[in-house]
């Protein structure tokens, strides 16, 4: 392997590492803010995620079975699933087994909001 190829591989690896470290840096920063101030009101992403978590809890009764809209970006699918378990909800991949279909809509002001649609009476 030539020196040039090794340099290219090293640079590509460094680029991947830097891109993937973004989420870890955000999480560490949010954690540090929580340690410094119990109410990180200045962190917009934290406030929005907490808003989504609270809206999900208000929209769907604890113990319900939900189906997370699969047309959402993977980040929203993951977050809604995490928040569902935090709110004592069960998540299914089968819409026929769910009582609610849950999605997220972004408002004109770029604020995410939970949309929960009742599917069946028996599973709510």
PDB file of N, CA and C in Angstrom:
ATOM      1  N   UNK A   1       0.853  -1.165   0.000  1.00  0.00           N
ATOM      2  CA  UNK A   1       0.000   0.000   0.000  1.00  0.00           C
ATOM      3  C   UNK A   1       0.909   1.241   0.000  1.00  0.00           C
ATOM      4  N   UNK A   2       0.577   2.178  -0.839  1.00  0.00           N
ATOM      5  CA  UNK A   2       1.411   3.371  -0.977  1.00  0.00           C
ATOM      6  C   UNK A   2       1.136   4.349   0.165  1.00  0.00           C
ATOM      7  N   UNK A   3       2.031   5.275   0.314  1.00  0.00           N
ATOM      8  CA  UNK A   3       1.873   6.299   1.346  1.00  0.00           C
ATOM      9  C   UNK A   3       0.629   7.133   1.067  1.00  0.00           C
ATOM     10  N   UNK A   4       0.389   7.429  -0.205  1.00  0.00           N
ATOM     11  CA  UNK A   4      -0.787   8.215  -0.576  1.00  0.00           C
ATOM     12  C   UNK A   4      -2.080   7.502  -0.168  1.00  0.00           C
ATOM     13  N   UNK A   5      -2.150   6.205  -0.421  1.00  0.00           N
ATOM     14  CA  UNK A   5      -3.341   5.436  -0.068  1.00  0.00           C
ATOM     15  C   UNK A   5      -3.551   5.426   1.444  1.00  0.00           C
ATOM     16  N   UNK A   6      -2.472   5.317   2.202  1.00  0.00           N
ATOM     17  CA  UNK A   6      -2.586   5.334   3.657  1.00  0.00           C
ATOM     18  C   UNK A   6      -3.094   6.687   4.161  1.00  0.00           C
ATOM     19  N   UNK A   7      -2.619   7.743   3.547  1.00  0.00           N
ATOM     20  CA  UNK A   7      -3.068   9.080   3.942  1.00  0.00           C
ATOM     21  C   UNK A   7      -4.550   9.261   3.628  1.00  0.00           C
ATOM     22  N   UNK A   8      -4.974   8.808   2.446  1.00  0.00           N
ATOM     23  CA  UNK A   8      -6.381   8.910   2.059  1.00  0.00           C
ATOM     24  C   UNK A   8      -7.256   8.118   3.027  1.00  0.00           C
ATOM     25  N   UNK A   9      -6.845   6.921   3.378  1.00  0.00           N
ATOM     26  CA  UNK A   9      -7.614   6.087   4.305  1.00  0.00           C
ATOM     27  C   UNK A   9      -7.674   6.746   5.684  1.00  0.00           C
ATOM     28  N   UNK A  10      -6.562   7.286   6.135  1.00  0.00           N
ATOM     29  CA  UNK A  10      -6.534   7.953   7.437  1.00  0.00           C
ATOM     30  C   UNK A  10      -7.449   9.184   7.444  1.00  0.00           C
ATOM     31  N   UNK A  11      -7.423   9.970   6.376  1.00  0.00           N
ATOM     32  CA  UNK A  11      -8.284  11.150   6.288  1.00  0.00           C
ATOM     33  C   UNK A  11      -9.757  10.766   6.216  1.00  0.00           C
ATOM     34  N   UNK A  12     -10.068   9.717   5.470  1.00  0.00           N
ATOM     35  CA  UNK A  12     -11.454   9.253   5.390  1.00  0.00           C
ATOM     36  C   UNK A  12     -11.930   8.780   6.768  1.00  0.00           C
ATOM     37  N   UNK A  13     -11.074   8.044   7.474  1.00  0.00           N
ATOM     38  CA  UNK A  13     -11.426   7.589   8.821  1.00  0.00           C
ATOM     39  C   UNK A  13     -11.633   8.746   9.777  1.00  0.00           C
ATOM     40  N   UNK A  14     -10.784   9.760   9.683  1.00  0.00           N
ATOM     41  CA  UNK A  14     -10.923  10.939  10.526  1.00  0.00           C
ATOM     42  C   UNK A  14     -12.225  11.683  10.221  1.00  0.00           C
ATOM     43  N   UNK A  15     -12.573  11.790   8.934  1.00  0.00           N
ATOM     44  CA  UNK A  15     -13.820  12.470   8.543  1.00  0.00           C
ATOM     45  C   UNK A  15     -15.030  11.733   9.100  1.00  0.00           C
ATOM     46  N   UNK A  16     -15.042  10.412   8.999  1.00  0.00           N
ATOM     47  CA  UNK A  16     -16.152   9.616   9.531  1.00  0.00           C
ATOM     48  C   UNK A  16     -16.237   9.777  11.043  1.00  0.00           C
ATOM     49  N   UNK A  17     -15.099   9.771  11.706  1.00  0.00           N
ATOM     50  CA  UNK A  17     -15.077   9.939  13.154  1.00  0.00           C
ATOM     51  C   UNK A  17     -15.639  11.293  13.567  1.00  0.00           C
ATOM     52  N   UNK A  18     -15.258  12.348  12.871  1.00  0.00           N
ATOM     53  CA  UNK A  18     -15.752  13.683  13.200  1.00  0.00           C
ATOM     54  C   UNK A  18     -17.251  13.813  12.969  1.00  0.00           C
ATOM     55  N   UNK A  19     -17.741  13.259  11.875  1.00  0.00           N
ATOM     56  CA  UNK A  19     -19.175  13.327  11.584  1.00  0.00           C
ATOM     57  C   UNK A  19     -19.970  12.545  12.624  1.00  0.00           C
ATOM     58  N   UNK A  20     -19.500  11.367  12.972  1.00  0.00           N
ATOM     59  CA  UNK A  20     -20.241  10.533  13.926  1.00  0.00           C
ATOM     60  C   UNK A  20     -20.134  11.056  15.354  1.00  0.00           C
ATOM     61  N   UNK A  21     -19.147  11.856  15.644  1.00  0.00           N
ATOM     62  CA  UNK A  21     -18.973  12.375  16.996  1.00  0.00           C
ATOM     63  C   UNK A  21     -19.949  13.515  17.304  1.00  0.00           C
ATOM     64  N   UNK A  22     -20.618  14.061  16.297  1.00  0.00           N
ATOM     65  CA  UNK A  22     -21.535  15.183  16.511  1.00  0.00           C
ATOM     66  C   UNK A  22     -22.626  14.871  17.516  1.00  0.00           C
ATOM     67  N   UNK A  23     -23.250  13.718  17.391  1.00  0.00           N
ATOM     68  CA  UNK A  23     -24.312  13.333  18.326  1.00  0.00           C
ATOM     69  C   UNK A  23     -23.784  13.147  19.741  1.00  0.00           C
ATOM     70  N   UNK A  24     -22.593  12.575  19.856  1.00  0.00           N
ATOM     71  CA  UNK A  24     -21.999  12.383  21.180  1.00  0.00           C
ATOM     72  C   UNK A  24     -21.682  13.722  21.834  1.00  0.00           C
ATOM     73  N   UNK A  25     -21.210  14.657  21.049  1.00  0.00           N
ATOM     74  CA  UNK A  25     -20.907  15.986  21.585  1.00  0.00           C
ATOM     75  C   UNK A  25     -22.195  16.668  22.041  1.00  0.00           C
ATOM     76  N   UNK A  26     -23.256  16.569  21.246  1.00  0.00           N
ATOM     77  CA  UNK A  26     -24.548  17.156  21.637  1.00  0.00           C
ATOM     78  C   UNK A  26     -25.062  16.536  22.932  1.00  0.00           C
ATOM     79  N   UNK A  27     -24.981  15.216  23.041  1.00  0.00           N
ATOM     80  CA  UNK A  27     -25.459  14.534  24.245  1.00  0.00           C
ATOM     81  C   UNK A  27     -24.631  14.921  25.464  1.00  0.00           C
ATOM     82  N   UNK A  28     -23.316  14.980  25.294  1.00  0.00           N
ATOM     83  CA  UNK A  28     -22.447  15.359  26.409  1.00  0.00           C
ATOM     84  C   UNK A  28     -22.714  16.799  26.839  1.00  0.00           C
ATOM     85  N   UNK A  29     -22.924  17.675  25.871  1.00  0.00           N
ATOM     86  CA  UNK A  29     -23.224  19.074  26.187  1.00  0.00           C
ATOM     87  C   UNK A  29     -24.546  19.194  26.942  1.00  0.00           C
ATOM     88  N   UNK A  30     -25.563  18.481  26.487  1.00  0.00           N
ATOM     89  CA  UNK A  30     -26.862  18.512  27.171  1.00  0.00           C
ATOM     90  C   UNK A  30     -26.738  17.944  28.580  1.00  0.00           C
ATOM     91  N   UNK A  31     -25.972  16.873  28.741  1.00  0.00           N
ATOM     92  CA  UNK A  31     -25.755  16.293  30.068  1.00  0.00           C
ATOM     93  C   UNK A  31     -25.036  17.258  30.993  1.00  0.00           C
ATOM     94  N   UNK A  32     -24.033  17.923  30.471  1.00  0.00           N
ATOM     95  CA  UNK A  32     -23.294  18.906  31.269  1.00  0.00           C
ATOM     96  C   UNK A  32     -24.215  20.055  31.693  1.00  0.00           C
ATOM     97  N   UNK A  33     -25.054  20.512  30.776  1.00  0.00           N
ATOM     98  CA  UNK A  33     -25.995  21.580  31.111  1.00  0.00           C
ATOM     99  C   UNK A  33     -26.965  21.137  32.205  1.00  0.00           C
ATOM    100  N   UNK A  34     -27.387  19.875  32.159  1.00  0.00           N
ATOM    101  CA  UNK A  34     -28.279  19.370  33.198  1.00  0.00           C
ATOM    102  C   UNK A  34     -27.589  19.361  34.559  1.00  0.00           C
ATOM    103  N   UNK A  35     -26.299  19.044  34.549  1.00  0.00           N
ATOM    104  CA  UNK A  35     -25.558  19.059  35.809  1.00  0.00           C
ATOM    105  C   UNK A  35     -25.393  20.479  36.350  1.00  0.00           C
ATOM    106  N   UNK A  36     -25.209  21.413  35.440  1.00  0.00           N
ATOM    107  CA  UNK A  36     -25.005  22.800  35.850  1.00  0.00           C
ATOM    108  C   UNK A  36     -26.310  23.487  36.238  1.00  0.00           C
ATOM    109  N   UNK A  37     -27.335  23.238  35.455  1.00  0.00           N
ATOM    110  CA  UNK A  37     -28.646  23.850  35.676  1.00  0.00           C
ATOM    111  C   UNK A  37     -29.706  22.784  35.490  1.00  0.00           C
ATOM    112  N   UNK A  38     -30.497  22.501  36.506  1.00  0.00           N
ATOM    113  CA  UNK A  38     -31.515  21.460  36.372  1.00  0.00           C
ATOM    114  C   UNK A  38     -32.555  21.750  35.293  1.00  0.00           C
ATOM    115  N   UNK A  39     -32.696  23.003  34.890  1.00  0.00           N
ATOM    116  CA  UNK A  39     -33.672  23.379  33.873  1.00  0.00           C
ATOM    117  C   UNK A  39     -32.947  24.040  32.703  1.00  0.00           C
ATOM    118  N   UNK A  40     -32.492  23.250  31.736  1.00  0.00           N
ATOM    119  CA  UNK A  40     -31.706  23.821  30.626  1.00  0.00           C
ATOM    120  C   UNK A  40     -32.588  24.573  29.627  1.00  0.00           C
ATOM    121  N   UNK A  41     -33.160  25.666  30.081  1.00  0.00           N
ATOM    122  CA  UNK A  41     -34.123  26.393  29.254  1.00  0.00           C
ATOM    123  C   UNK A  41     -33.476  27.039  28.033  1.00  0.00           C
ATOM    124  N   UNK A  42     -32.166  27.156  28.020  1.00  0.00           N
ATOM    125  CA  UNK A  42     -31.514  27.788  26.883  1.00  0.00           C
ATOM    126  C   UNK A  42     -31.269  26.815  25.734  1.00  0.00           C
ATOM    127  N   UNK A  43     -31.360  25.518  25.990  1.00  0.00           N
ATOM    128  CA  UNK A  43     -31.103  24.520  24.962  1.00  0.00           C
ATOM    129  C   UNK A  43     -32.394  24.247  24.186  1.00  0.00           C
ATOM    130  N   UNK A  44     -32.463  24.778  22.982  1.00  0.00           N
ATOM    131  CA  UNK A  44     -33.680  24.677  22.168  1.00  0.00           C
ATOM    132  C   UNK A  44     -34.040  23.231  21.851  1.00  0.00           C
ATOM    133  N   UNK A  45     -33.062  22.425  21.475  1.00  0.00           N
ATOM    134  CA  UNK A  45     -33.345  21.028  21.126  1.00  0.00           C
ATOM    135  C   UNK A  45     -33.880  20.278  22.343  1.00  0.00           C
ATOM    136  N   UNK A  46     -33.278  20.505  23.490  1.00  0.00           N
ATOM    137  CA  UNK A  46     -33.754  19.849  24.712  1.00  0.00           C
ATOM    138  C   UNK A  46     -35.200  20.230  25.002  1.00  0.00           C
ATOM    139  N   UNK A  47     -35.514  21.521  24.914  1.00  0.00           N
ATOM    140  CA  UNK A  47     -36.889  21.984  25.164  1.00  0.00           C
ATOM    141  C   UNK A  47     -37.860  21.357  24.179  1.00  0.00           C
ATOM    142  N   UNK A  48     -37.468  21.276  22.896  1.00  0.00           N
ATOM    143  CA  UNK A  48     -38.358  20.689  21.893  1.00  0.00           C
ATOM    144  C   UNK A  48     -38.579  19.201  22.160  1.00  0.00           C
ATOM    145  N   UNK A  49     -37.527  18.472  22.502  1.00  0.00           N
ATOM    146  CA  UNK A  49     -37.673  17.040  22.776  1.00  0.00           C
ATOM    147  C   UNK A  49     -38.528  16.810  24.018  1.00  0.00           C
ATOM    148  N   UNK A  50     -38.336  17.624  25.041  1.00  0.00           N
ATOM    149  CA  UNK A  50     -39.173  17.509  26.239  1.00  0.00           C
ATOM    150  C   UNK A  50     -40.629  17.824  25.913  1.00  0.00           C
ATOM    151  N   UNK A  51     -40.841  18.791  25.034  1.00  0.00           N
ATOM    152  CA  UNK A  51     -42.199  19.117  24.604  1.00  0.00           C
ATOM    153  C   UNK A  51     -42.859  17.949  23.893  1.00  0.00           C
ATOM    154  N   UNK A  52     -42.113  17.285  23.014  1.00  0.00           N
ATOM    155  CA  UNK A  52     -42.635  16.120  22.296  1.00  0.00           C
ATOM    156  C   UNK A  52     -42.949  15.000  23.284  1.00  0.00           C
ATOM    157  N   UNK A  53     -42.060  14.770  24.245  1.00  0.00           N
ATOM    158  CA  UNK A  53     -42.289  13.719  25.240  1.00  0.00           C
ATOM    159  C   UNK A  53     -43.554  14.002  26.047  1.00  0.00           C
ATOM    160  N   UNK A  54     -43.733  15.242  26.487  1.00  0.00           N
ATOM    161  CA  UNK A  54     -44.929  15.601  27.257  1.00  0.00           C
ATOM    162  C   UNK A  54     -46.193  15.496  26.408  1.00  0.00           C
ATOM    163  N   UNK A  55     -46.121  15.945  25.151  1.00  0.00           N
ATOM    164  CA  UNK A  55     -47.291  15.865  24.269  1.00  0.00           C
ATOM    165  C   UNK A  55     -47.701  14.419  24.030  1.00  0.00           C
ATOM    166  N   UNK A  56     -46.716  13.537  23.866  1.00  0.00           N
ATOM    167  CA  UNK A  56     -47.034  12.124  23.660  1.00  0.00           C
ATOM    168  C   UNK A  56     -47.751  11.567  24.883  1.00  0.00           C
ATOM    169  N   UNK A  57     -47.267  11.893  26.066  1.00  0.00           N
ATOM    170  CA  UNK A  57     -47.916  11.432  27.294  1.00  0.00           C
ATOM    171  C   UNK A  57     -49.328  11.966  27.451  1.00  0.00           C
ATOM    172  N   UNK A  58     -49.553  13.190  26.985  1.00  0.00           N
ATOM    173  CA  UNK A  58     -50.889  13.784  27.082  1.00  0.00           C
ATOM    174  C   UNK A  58     -51.835  13.247  26.016  1.00  0.00           C
ATOM    175  N   UNK A  59     -51.305  12.885  24.860  1.00  0.00           N
ATOM    176  CA  UNK A  59     -52.151  12.456  23.740  1.00  0.00           C
ATOM    177  C   UNK A  59     -52.565  10.991  23.825  1.00  0.00           C
ATOM    178  N   UNK A  60     -51.728  10.165  24.457  1.00  0.00           N
ATOM    179  CA  UNK A  60     -51.983   8.730  24.489  1.00  0.00           C
ATOM    180  C   UNK A  60     -51.944   8.252  25.938  1.00  0.00           C
ATOM    181  N   UNK A  61     -53.009   7.569  26.346  1.00  0.00           N
ATOM    182  CA  UNK A  61     -53.123   7.064  27.717  1.00  0.00           C
ATOM    183  C   UNK A  61     -52.068   5.996  27.999  1.00  0.00           C
ATOM    184  N   UNK A  62     -51.476   6.032  29.186  1.00  0.00           N
ATOM    185  CA  UNK A  62     -50.475   5.038  29.591  1.00  0.00           C
ATOM    186  C   UNK A  62     -51.053   3.634  29.446  1.00  0.00           C
ATOM    187  N   UNK A  63     -50.238   2.708  29.020  1.00  0.00           N
ATOM    188  CA  UNK A  63     -50.663   1.328  28.818  1.00  0.00           C
ATOM    189  C   UNK A  63     -51.168   1.047  27.416  1.00  0.00           C
ATOM    190  N   UNK A  64     -51.305   2.082  26.595  1.00  0.00           N
ATOM    191  CA  UNK A  64     -51.792   1.902  25.220  1.00  0.00           C
ATOM    192  C   UNK A  64     -50.709   1.326  24.328  1.00  0.00           C
ATOM    193  N   UNK A  65     -51.150   0.789  23.200  1.00  0.00           N
ATOM    194  CA  UNK A  65     -50.247   0.256  22.182  1.00  0.00           C
ATOM    195  C   UNK A  65     -50.222   1.249  21.029  1.00  0.00           C
ATOM    196  N   UNK A  66     -49.008   1.671  20.628  1.00  0.00           N
ATOM    197  CA  UNK A  66     -48.900   2.637  19.535  1.00  0.00           C
ATOM    198  C   UNK A  66     -48.095   2.071  18.383  1.00  0.00           C
ATOM    199  N   UNK A  67     -48.371   2.616  17.219  1.00  0.00           N
ATOM    200  CA  UNK A  67     -47.602   2.337  16.006  1.00  0.00           C
ATOM    201  C   UNK A  67     -46.955   3.648  15.612  1.00  0.00           C
ATOM    202  N   UNK A  68     -45.626   3.663  15.517  1.00  0.00           N
ATOM    203  CA  UNK A  68     -44.901   4.868  15.130  1.00  0.00           C
ATOM    204  C   UNK A  68     -44.861   4.929  13.611  1.00  0.00           C
ATOM    205  N   UNK A  69     -45.301   6.054  13.073  1.00  0.00           N
ATOM    206  CA  UNK A  69     -45.360   6.278  11.633  1.00  0.00           C
ATOM    207  C   UNK A  69     -44.001   5.990  10.991  1.00  0.00           C
ATOM    208  N   UNK A  70     -43.977   5.017  10.081  1.00  0.00           N
ATOM    209  CA  UNK A  70     -42.723   4.597   9.463  1.00  0.00           C
ATOM    210  C   UNK A  70     -42.253   5.527   8.349  1.00  0.00           C
ATOM    211  N   UNK A  71     -43.067   6.517   7.998  1.00  0.00           N
ATOM    212  CA  UNK A  71     -42.635   7.473   6.972  1.00  0.00           C
ATOM    213  C   UNK A  71     -41.799   8.599   7.583  1.00  0.00           C
ATOM    214  N   UNK A  72     -41.690   8.623   8.905  1.00  0.00           N
ATOM    215  CA  UNK A  72     -40.860   9.631   9.572  1.00  0.00           C
ATOM    216  C   UNK A  72     -39.382   9.331   9.364  1.00  0.00           C
ATOM    217  N   UNK A  73     -38.566  10.352   9.551  1.00  0.00           N
ATOM    218  CA  UNK A  73     -37.123  10.151   9.522  1.00  0.00           C
ATOM    219  C   UNK A  73     -36.746   9.194  10.653  1.00  0.00           C
ATOM    220  N   UNK A  74     -35.680   8.419  10.471  1.00  0.00           N
ATOM    221  CA  UNK A  74     -35.283   7.468  11.524  1.00  0.00           C
ATOM    222  C   UNK A  74     -35.071   8.117  12.893  1.00  0.00           C
ATOM    223  N   UNK A  75     -34.571   9.351  12.927  1.00  0.00           N
ATOM    224  CA  UNK A  75     -34.376  10.032  14.207  1.00  0.00           C
ATOM    225  C   UNK A  75     -35.695  10.170  14.950  1.00  0.00           C
ATOM    226  N   UNK A  76     -36.755  10.581  14.260  1.00  0.00           N
ATOM    227  CA  UNK A  76     -38.054  10.743  14.912  1.00  0.00           C
ATOM    228  C   UNK A  76     -38.642   9.402  15.307  1.00  0.00           C
ATOM    229  N   UNK A  77     -38.450   8.379  14.474  1.00  0.00           N
ATOM    230  CA  UNK A  77     -38.935   7.047  14.847  1.00  0.00           C
ATOM    231  C   UNK A  77     -38.275   6.593  16.144  1.00  0.00           C
ATOM    232  N   UNK A  78     -36.976   6.794  16.244  1.00  0.00           N
ATOM    233  CA  UNK A  78     -36.245   6.399  17.445  1.00  0.00           C
ATOM    234  C   UNK A  78     -36.696   7.209  18.653  1.00  0.00           C
ATOM    235  N   UNK A  79     -36.795   8.508  18.507  1.00  0.00           N
ATOM    236  CA  UNK A  79     -37.188   9.358  19.637  1.00  0.00           C
ATOM    237  C   UNK A  79     -38.599   9.026  20.121  1.00  0.00           C
ATOM    238  N   UNK A  80     -39.539   8.864  19.190  1.00  0.00           N
ATOM    239  CA  UNK A  80     -40.909   8.538  19.600  1.00  0.00           C
ATOM    240  C   UNK A  80     -40.966   7.194  20.326  1.00  0.00           C
ATOM    241  N   UNK A  81     -40.183   6.231  19.847  1.00  0.00           N
ATOM    242  CA  UNK A  81     -40.147   4.928  20.514  1.00  0.00           C
ATOM    243  C   UNK A  81     -39.578   5.060  21.918  1.00  0.00           C
ATOM    244  N   UNK A  82     -38.493   5.815  22.064  1.00  0.00           N
ATOM    245  CA  UNK A  82     -37.915   6.034  23.395  1.00  0.00           C
ATOM    246  C   UNK A  82     -38.909   6.729  24.316  1.00  0.00           C
ATOM    247  N   UNK A  83     -39.546   7.779  23.813  1.00  0.00           N
ATOM    248  CA  UNK A  83     -40.502   8.525  24.631  1.00  0.00           C
ATOM    249  C   UNK A  83     -41.707   7.659  24.981  1.00  0.00           C
ATOM    250  N   UNK A  84     -42.103   6.776  24.074  1.00  0.00           N
ATOM    251  CA  UNK A  84     -43.236   5.890  24.343  1.00  0.00           C
ATOM    252  C   UNK A  84     -42.941   5.013  25.558  1.00  0.00           C
ATOM    253  N   UNK A  85     -41.762   4.425  25.594  1.00  0.00           N
ATOM    254  CA  UNK A  85     -41.415   3.573  26.734  1.00  0.00           C
ATOM    255  C   UNK A  85     -41.312   4.387  28.018  1.00  0.00           C
ATOM    256  N   UNK A  86     -40.874   5.631  27.912  1.00  0.00           N
ATOM    257  CA  UNK A  86     -40.815   6.502  29.087  1.00  0.00           C
ATOM    258  C   UNK A  86     -42.213   6.841  29.605  1.00  0.00           C
ATOM    259  N   UNK A  87     -43.217   6.782  28.717  1.00  0.00           N
ATOM    260  CA  UNK A  87     -44.599   7.107  29.090  1.00  0.00           C
ATOM    261  C   UNK A  87     -45.430   5.850  29.345  1.00  0.00           C
ATOM    262  N   UNK A  88     -44.777   4.698  29.494  1.00  0.00           N
ATOM    263  CA  UNK A  88     -45.455   3.425  29.752  1.00  0.00           C
ATOM    264  C   UNK A  88     -46.387   3.030  28.605  1.00  0.00           C
ATOM    265  N   UNK A  89     -45.916   3.226  27.383  1.00  0.00           N
ATOM    266  CA  UNK A  89     -46.649   2.812  26.191  1.00  0.00           C
ATOM    267  C   UNK A  89     -45.932   1.633  25.556  1.00  0.00           C
ATOM    268  N   UNK A  90     -46.691   0.778  24.894  1.00  0.00           N
ATOM    269  CA  UNK A  90     -46.100  -0.315  24.127  1.00  0.00           C
ATOM    270  C   UNK A  90     -46.041   0.102  22.671  1.00  0.00           C
ATOM    271  N   UNK A  91     -44.988  -0.321  21.990  1.00  0.00           N
ATOM    272  CA  UNK A  91     -44.802   0.031  20.581  1.00  0.00           C
ATOM    273  C   UNK A  91     -44.870  -1.247  19.762  1.00  0.00           C
ATOM    274  N   UNK A  92     -45.608  -1.183  18.666  1.00  0.00           N
ATOM    275  CA  UNK A  92     -45.719  -2.330  17.772  1.00  0.00           C
ATOM    276  C   UNK A  92     -45.335  -1.917  16.352  1.00  0.00           C
ATOM    277  N   UNK A  93     -44.875  -2.887  15.576  1.00  0.00           N
ATOM    278  CA  UNK A  93     -44.576  -2.620  14.164  1.00  0.00           C
ATOM    279  C   UNK A  93     -45.760  -2.983  13.280  1.00  0.00           C
ATOM    280  N   UNK A  94     -46.813  -3.515  13.905  1.00  0.00           N
ATOM    281  CA  UNK A  94     -48.020  -3.916  13.179  1.00  0.00           C
ATOM    282  C   UNK A  94     -49.131  -2.904  13.451  1.00  0.00           C
ATOM    283  N   UNK A  95     -49.490  -2.086  12.462  1.00  0.00           N
ATOM    284  CA  UNK A  95     -50.536  -1.088  12.697  1.00  0.00           C
ATOM    285  C   UNK A  95     -51.876  -1.706  13.096  1.00  0.00           C
ATOM    286  N   UNK A  96     -52.133  -2.946  12.689  1.00  0.00           N
ATOM    287  CA  UNK A  96     -53.395  -3.592  13.045  1.00  0.00           C
ATOM    288  C   UNK A  96     -53.478  -3.909  14.530  1.00  0.00           C
ATOM    289  N   UNK A  97     -52.328  -4.006  15.197  1.00  0.00           N
ATOM    290  CA  UNK A  97     -52.313  -4.324  16.626  1.00  0.00           C
ATOM    291  C   UNK A  97     -52.284  -3.074  17.499  1.00  0.00           C
ATOM    292  N   UNK A  98     -52.226  -1.903  16.872  1.00  0.00           N
ATOM    293  CA  UNK A  98     -52.080  -0.658  17.623  1.00  0.00           C
ATOM    294  C   UNK A  98     -53.409   0.029  17.859  1.00  0.00           C
ATOM    295  N   UNK A  99     -53.465   0.768  18.935  1.00  0.00           N
ATOM    296  CA  UNK A  99     -54.632   1.595  19.214  1.00  0.00           C
ATOM    297  C   UNK A  99     -54.464   3.007  18.674  1.00  0.00           C
ATOM    298  N   UNK A 100     -53.214   3.414  18.488  1.00  0.00           N
ATOM    299  CA  UNK A 100     -52.913   4.754  17.990  1.00  0.00           C
ATOM    300  C   UNK A 100     -51.777   4.700  16.984  1.00  0.00           C
ATOM    301  N   UNK A 101     -51.864   5.563  16.000  1.00  0.00           N
ATOM    302  CA  UNK A 101     -50.722   5.811  15.126  1.00  0.00           C
ATOM    303  C   UNK A 101     -50.154   7.157  15.545  1.00  0.00           C
ATOM    304  N   UNK A 102     -48.863   7.193  15.820  1.00  0.00           N
ATOM    305  CA  UNK A 102     -48.229   8.398  16.328  1.00  0.00           C
ATOM    306  C   UNK A 102     -47.227   8.918  15.310  1.00  0.00           C
ATOM    307  N   UNK A 103     -47.269  10.217  15.112  1.00  0.00           N
ATOM    308  CA  UNK A 103     -46.363  10.867  14.180  1.00  0.00           C
ATOM    309  C   UNK A 103     -45.928  12.204  14.769  1.00  0.00           C
ATOM    310  N   UNK A 104     -45.054  12.886  14.053  1.00  0.00           N
ATOM    311  CA  UNK A 104     -44.600  14.218  14.449  1.00  0.00           C
ATOM    312  C   UNK A 104     -44.784  15.138  13.264  1.00  0.00           C
ATOM    313  N   UNK A 105     -45.330  16.305  13.529  1.00  0.00           N
ATOM    314  CA  UNK A 105     -45.429  17.344  12.505  1.00  0.00           C
ATOM    315  C   UNK A 105     -44.631  18.550  12.978  1.00  0.00           C
ATOM    316  N   UNK A 106     -43.932  19.170  12.048  1.00  0.00           N
ATOM    317  CA  UNK A 106     -43.147  20.363  12.360  1.00  0.00           C
ATOM    318  C   UNK A 106     -43.978  21.583  11.971  1.00  0.00           C
ATOM    319  N   UNK A 107     -44.182  22.485  12.928  1.00  0.00           N
ATOM    320  CA  UNK A 107     -44.996  23.678  12.669  1.00  0.00           C
ATOM    321  C   UNK A 107     -44.230  24.679  11.811  1.00  0.00           C
ATOM    322  N   UNK A 108     -44.924  25.711  11.392  1.00  0.00           N
ATOM    323  CA  UNK A 108     -44.292  26.762  10.582  1.00  0.00           C
ATOM    324  C   UNK A 108     -43.169  27.441  11.350  1.00  0.00           C
ATOM    325  N   UNK A 109     -43.240  27.414  12.672  1.00  0.00           N
ATOM    326  CA  UNK A 109     -42.190  28.020  13.504  1.00  0.00           C
ATOM    327  C   UNK A 109     -41.075  27.033  13.805  1.00  0.00           C
ATOM    328  N   UNK A 110     -41.059  25.879  13.102  1.00  0.00           N
ATOM    329  CA  UNK A 110     -40.029  24.843  13.251  1.00  0.00           C
ATOM    330  C   UNK A 110     -40.063  24.156  14.615  1.00  0.00           C
ATOM    331  N   UNK A 111     -41.265  24.030  15.170  1.00  0.00           N
ATOM    332  CA  UNK A 111     -41.441  23.363  16.457  1.00  0.00           C
ATOM    333  C   UNK A 111     -42.149  22.030  16.209  1.00  0.00           C
ATOM    334  N   UNK A 112     -41.585  20.917  16.706  1.00  0.00           N
ATOM    335  CA  UNK A 112     -42.222  19.615  16.509  1.00  0.00           C
ATOM    336  C   UNK A 112     -43.412  19.414  17.450  1.00  0.00           C
ATOM    337  N   UNK A 113     -44.467  18.772  16.923  1.00  0.00           N
ATOM    338  CA  UNK A 113     -45.659  18.466  17.720  1.00  0.00           C
ATOM    339  C   UNK A 113     -46.093  17.033  17.439  1.00  0.00           C
ATOM    340  N   UNK A 114     -46.585  16.368  18.465  1.00  0.00           N
ATOM    341  CA  UNK A 114     -47.062  14.990  18.335  1.00  0.00           C
ATOM    342  C   UNK A 114     -48.453  14.984  17.737  1.00  0.00           C
ATOM    343  N   UNK A 115     -48.671  14.050  16.806  1.00  0.00           N
ATOM    344  CA  UNK A 115     -50.001  13.810  16.234  1.00  0.00           C
ATOM    345  C   UNK A 115     -50.323  12.345  16.515  1.00  0.00           C
ATOM    346  N   UNK A 116     -51.341  12.117  17.325  1.00  0.00           N
ATOM    347  CA  UNK A 116     -51.761  10.755  17.656  1.00  0.00           C
ATOM    348  C   UNK A 116     -53.173  10.542  17.122  1.00  0.00           C
ATOM    349  N   UNK A 117     -53.333   9.532  16.280  1.00  0.00           N
ATOM    350  CA  UNK A 117     -54.615   9.220  15.677  1.00  0.00           C
ATOM    351  C   UNK A 117     -55.092   7.877  16.219  1.00  0.00           C
ATOM    352  N   UNK A 118     -56.310   7.854  16.794  1.00  0.00           N
ATOM    353  CA  UNK A 118     -56.879   6.612  17.308  1.00  0.00           C
ATOM    354  C   UNK A 118     -57.212   5.691  16.141  1.00  0.00           C
ATOM    355  N   UNK A 119     -56.789   4.424  16.243  1.00  0.00           N
ATOM    356  CA  UNK A 119     -57.028   3.454  15.169  1.00  0.00           C
ATOM    357  C   UNK A 119     -58.169   2.501  15.493  1.00  0.00           C
ATOM    358  N   UNK A 120     -58.151   1.921  16.696  1.00  0.00           N
ATOM    359  CA  UNK A 120     -59.163   0.939  17.076  1.00  0.00           C
ATOM    360  C   UNK A 120     -59.554   1.169  18.528  1.00  0.00           C
ATOM    361  N   UNK A 121     -60.783   0.892  18.835  1.00  0.00           N
ATOM    362  CA  UNK A 121     -61.250   1.060  20.208  1.00  0.00           C
ATOM    363  C   UNK A 121     -60.622   0.024  21.141  1.00  0.00           C
ATOM    364  N   UNK A 122     -60.445  -1.186  20.667  1.00  0.00           N
ATOM    365  CA  UNK A 122     -60.001  -2.278  21.518  1.00  0.00           C
ATOM    366  C   UNK A 122     -58.573  -2.185  22.018  1.00  0.00           C
ATOM    367  N   UNK A 123     -57.694  -1.496  21.318  1.00  0.00           N
ATOM    368  CA  UNK A 123     -56.277  -1.466  21.685  1.00  0.00           C
ATOM    369  C   UNK A 123     -55.875  -0.203  22.439  1.00  0.00           C
ATOM    370  N   UNK A 124     -56.822   0.703  22.666  1.00  0.00           N
ATOM    371  CA  UNK A 124     -56.468   1.944  23.356  1.00  0.00           C
ATOM    372  C   UNK A 124     -56.473   1.702  24.787  1.00  0.00           C
TER     373      UNK A 124
END
